[in-house]
Amino acid sequence: MSNVEQLDLFTLTDPSPVLNGMYYEQSTNRFVSYVLGRRYFEVTPSRCLGDKDWKERTMRERAI
């Protein structure tokens, strides 16, 4: 009789985290938004809406 192998179809094969949200990209000096790991939108800091504190905190805490 042949051996039967049980496959788990619901486990993730790539457990790496997916980027979601707004990040600051140091190499381009831009704020970049990601949706499900794909680059969606980018804007320079001078054109980015948001107060100065939010921009500074994002640049410090969410730099990629």
C-alpha atoms as a PDB file:
ATOM      1  CA  MET A   1       0.000   0.000   0.000  1.00  0.00           C
ATOM      2  CA  SER A   2       1.287   3.530  -0.765  1.00  0.00           C
ATOM      3  CA  ASN A   3       2.035   6.098   1.925  1.00  0.00           C
ATOM      4  CA  VAL A   4      -0.456   8.941   2.147  1.00  0.00           C
ATOM      5  CA  GLU A   5       0.835  12.433   2.892  1.00  0.00           C
ATOM      6  CA  GLN A   6      -1.477  14.959   4.519  1.00  0.00           C
ATOM      7  CA  LEU A   7      -1.119  18.450   3.053  1.00  0.00           C
ATOM      8  CA  ASP A   8      -1.982  21.519   5.074  1.00  0.00           C
ATOM      9  CA  LEU A   9      -3.417  23.976   2.564  1.00  0.00           C
ATOM     10  CA  PHE A  10      -3.996  26.784   5.016  1.00  0.00           C
ATOM     11  CA  THR A  11      -0.520  27.437   6.395  1.00  0.00           C
ATOM     12  CA  LEU A  12       1.413  30.397   5.109  1.00  0.00           C
ATOM     13  CA  THR A  13       4.581  29.487   3.280  1.00  0.00           C
ATOM     14  CA  ASP A  14       6.033  33.005   3.503  1.00  0.00           C
ATOM     15  CA  PRO A  15       5.763  34.283   7.082  1.00  0.00           C
ATOM     16  CA  SER A  16       7.569  37.563   6.314  1.00  0.00           C
ATOM     17  CA  PRO A  17       5.622  40.661   7.351  1.00  0.00           C
ATOM     18  CA  VAL A  18       3.792  42.664   4.707  1.00  0.00           C
ATOM     19  CA  LEU A  19       4.048  46.449   4.735  1.00  0.00           C
ATOM     20  CA  ASN A  20       0.788  48.309   5.290  1.00  0.00           C
ATOM     21  CA  GLY A  21       0.441  52.007   5.997  1.00  0.00           C
ATOM     22  CA  MET A  22       2.580  55.094   5.660  1.00  0.00           C
ATOM     23  CA  TYR A  23       6.365  54.913   5.912  1.00  0.00           C
ATOM     24  CA  TYR A  24       9.257  57.309   5.384  1.00  0.00           C
ATOM     25  CA  GLU A  25      11.727  56.138   2.763  1.00  0.00           C
ATOM     26  CA  GLN A  26      15.152  57.514   3.590  1.00  0.00           C
ATOM     27  CA  SER A  27      16.757  56.808   0.217  1.00  0.00           C
ATOM     28  CA  THR A  28      14.247  58.981  -1.675  1.00  0.00           C
ATOM     29  CA  ASN A  29      13.314  61.402   1.157  1.00  0.00           C
ATOM     30  CA  ARG A  30       9.606  60.692   0.604  1.00  0.00           C
ATOM     31  CA  PHE A  31       6.617  59.440   2.514  1.00  0.00           C
ATOM     32  CA  VAL A  32       5.425  56.217   0.891  1.00  0.00           C
ATOM     33  CA  SER A  33       2.198  54.324   1.469  1.00  0.00           C
ATOM     34  CA  TYR A  34       1.998  50.558   1.098  1.00  0.00           C
ATOM     35  CA  VAL A  35      -1.118  48.420   0.725  1.00  0.00           C
ATOM     36  CA  LEU A  36      -0.681  44.657   1.180  1.00  0.00           C
ATOM     37  CA  GLY A  37       3.036  44.996   0.563  1.00  0.00           C
ATOM     38  CA  ARG A  38       2.728  46.922  -2.695  1.00  0.00           C
ATOM     39  CA  ARG A  39       3.840  50.511  -3.113  1.00  0.00           C
ATOM     40  CA  TYR A  40       0.717  52.591  -3.609  1.00  0.00           C
ATOM     41  CA  PHE A  41       1.523  56.296  -3.264  1.00  0.00           C
ATOM     42  CA  GLU A  42       4.498  58.544  -2.549  1.00  0.00           C
ATOM     43  CA  VAL A  43       4.785  62.215  -1.656  1.00  0.00           C
ATOM     44  CA  THR A  44       7.550  64.604  -0.623  1.00  0.00           C
ATOM     45  CA  PRO A  45       7.536  65.858   2.984  1.00  0.00           C
ATOM     46  CA  SER A  46       6.662  69.397   1.901  1.00  0.00           C
ATOM     47  CA  ARG A  47       3.532  68.233   0.040  1.00  0.00           C
ATOM     48  CA  CYS A  48       2.474  65.656   2.618  1.00  0.00           C
ATOM     49  CA  LEU A  49      -0.616  66.574   4.589  1.00  0.00           C
ATOM     50  CA  GLY A  50      -0.212  66.227   8.309  1.00  0.00           C
ATOM     51  CA  ASP A  51       1.174  68.230  11.154  1.00  0.00           C
ATOM     52  CA  LYS A  52       4.873  68.649  11.845  1.00  0.00           C
ATOM     53  CA  ASP A  53       4.824  66.306  14.871  1.00  0.00           C
ATOM     54  CA  TRP A  54       3.286  63.461  12.847  1.00  0.00           C
ATOM     55  CA  LYS A  55       5.883  63.883  10.080  1.00  0.00           C
ATOM     56  CA  GLU A  56       8.775  63.905  12.549  1.00  0.00           C
ATOM     57  CA  ARG A  57       7.447  60.870  14.430  1.00  0.00           C
ATOM     58  CA  THR A  58       6.880  58.941  11.191  1.00  0.00           C
ATOM     59  CA  MET A  59      10.366  59.817   9.945  1.00  0.00           C
ATOM     60  CA  ARG A  60      11.838  58.577  13.218  1.00  0.00           C
ATOM     61  CA  GLU A  61       9.724  55.485  13.916  1.00  0.00           C
ATOM     62  CA  ARG A  62       8.696  54.201  10.470  1.00  0.00           C
ATOM     63  CA  ALA A  63      11.795  54.778   8.375  1.00  0.00           C
ATOM     64  CA  ILE A  64      12.630  52.134   5.799  1.00  0.00           C
END
